[in-house]
């Protein structure tokens, strides 16, 4: 018998249009705090699940440049890695 999908660790390799690769380790062992670890251009990024309307979306304040975070959004066999400007303008939860 297999554990529930949310309790598994899944590793995947994505190939970018540029030819670069992103190796991702999805860690769903904690249902309350799913995580993803990305290996991209020789650097590791620990990302945390954030709300999305569709697919799985992860983010981190750690980025490729100062004051830039990263967002990883995957759905099916495709994913997008993008930078986020960390301008600290997001409102706090009430």
Protein backbone atom coordinates (compact mmCIF):
# COMPACT_ATOMS: atom_id res chain seq x y z
CA UNK A 1 0.00 0.00 0.00
CA UNK A 2 1.30 3.46 -0.91
CA UNK A 3 1.13 6.48 1.40
CA UNK A 4 -1.27 9.27 0.39
CA UNK A 5 0.07 11.54 -2.38
CA UNK A 6 0.39 14.46 0.04
CA UNK A 7 2.80 12.41 2.17
CA UNK A 8 5.30 11.73 -0.60
CA UNK A 9 8.54 13.26 -1.78
CA UNK A 10 8.69 13.69 -5.54
CA UNK A 11 11.79 14.63 -7.53
CA UNK A 12 11.54 16.07 -11.03
CA UNK A 13 13.85 17.64 -13.60
CA UNK A 14 12.57 20.44 -15.82
CA UNK A 15 14.39 21.61 -18.94
CA UNK A 16 14.10 25.33 -19.71
CA UNK A 17 13.73 26.81 -23.19
CA UNK A 18 17.21 28.30 -22.62
CA UNK A 19 18.66 24.81 -22.17
CA UNK A 20 19.19 25.18 -18.41
CA UNK A 21 17.73 22.59 -16.08
CA UNK A 22 15.88 22.94 -12.79
CA UNK A 23 15.88 19.97 -10.43
CA UNK A 24 13.02 20.12 -7.94
CA UNK A 25 12.35 18.05 -4.85
CA UNK A 26 8.72 18.42 -3.80
CA UNK A 27 8.32 17.56 -0.13
CA UNK A 28 4.70 16.89 0.79
CA UNK A 29 5.39 14.98 4.00
CA UNK A 30 3.91 17.80 6.12
CA UNK A 31 0.40 18.46 4.78
CA UNK A 32 0.32 21.81 6.60
CA UNK A 33 3.60 23.05 5.09
CA UNK A 34 4.42 21.60 1.64
CA UNK A 35 7.85 22.67 0.39
CA UNK A 36 9.97 22.53 -2.72
CA UNK A 37 13.76 22.66 -3.01
CA UNK A 38 15.02 23.94 -6.37
CA UNK A 39 18.51 23.40 -7.72
CA UNK A 40 19.03 26.02 -10.43
CA UNK A 41 22.32 27.26 -11.93
CA UNK A 42 24.29 25.65 -9.12
CA UNK A 43 22.26 27.26 -6.32
CA UNK A 44 19.69 25.76 -3.97
CA UNK A 45 16.46 27.55 -3.12
CA UNK A 46 14.13 26.40 -0.34
CA UNK A 47 10.59 27.42 -1.22
CA UNK A 48 7.28 27.28 0.60
CA UNK A 49 3.81 26.63 -0.82
CA UNK A 50 1.69 29.74 -1.32
CA UNK A 51 -1.93 30.03 -2.48
CA UNK A 52 -2.68 29.60 -6.18
CA UNK A 53 -5.85 29.40 -8.24
CA UNK A 54 -4.47 26.46 -10.22
CA UNK A 55 -1.42 24.21 -10.01
CA UNK A 56 1.20 24.32 -7.26
CA UNK A 57 2.92 27.62 -6.45
CA UNK A 58 5.97 28.06 -4.23
CA UNK A 59 7.88 31.19 -3.25
CA UNK A 60 10.94 32.35 -1.33
CA UNK A 61 12.44 35.70 -0.43
CA UNK A 62 15.84 34.28 -1.39
CA UNK A 63 16.55 35.16 -5.00
CA UNK A 64 19.20 35.51 -7.65
CA UNK A 65 19.77 39.20 -6.77
CA UNK A 66 19.37 41.31 -3.63
CA UNK A 67 15.76 42.44 -2.99
CA UNK A 68 14.43 39.81 -5.39
CA UNK A 69 12.55 36.69 -4.46
CA UNK A 70 11.63 33.71 -6.59
CA UNK A 71 8.34 32.12 -7.53
CA UNK A 72 7.99 28.57 -8.89
CA UNK A 73 4.61 27.72 -10.41
CA UNK A 74 3.98 24.24 -11.76
CA UNK A 75 1.00 22.59 -13.37
CA UNK A 76 1.14 19.19 -15.02
CA UNK A 77 4.47 18.73 -16.81
CA UNK A 78 5.23 22.45 -17.12
CA UNK A 79 6.52 25.06 -14.71
CA UNK A 80 7.61 28.68 -14.61
CA UNK A 81 10.38 30.23 -12.51
CA UNK A 82 10.11 33.99 -12.13
CA UNK A 83 11.60 36.75 -10.01
CA UNK A 84 9.57 38.82 -7.57
CA UNK A 85 10.53 42.33 -6.53
CA UNK A 86 10.70 42.45 -2.75
CA UNK A 87 9.39 45.98 -2.21
CA UNK A 88 7.71 45.03 1.09
CA UNK A 89 4.40 46.65 0.11
CA UNK A 90 2.24 43.59 0.82
CA UNK A 91 -0.36 44.22 3.50
CA UNK A 92 -0.39 42.21 6.69
CA UNK A 93 -3.29 39.91 7.41
CA UNK A 94 -5.89 41.61 9.66
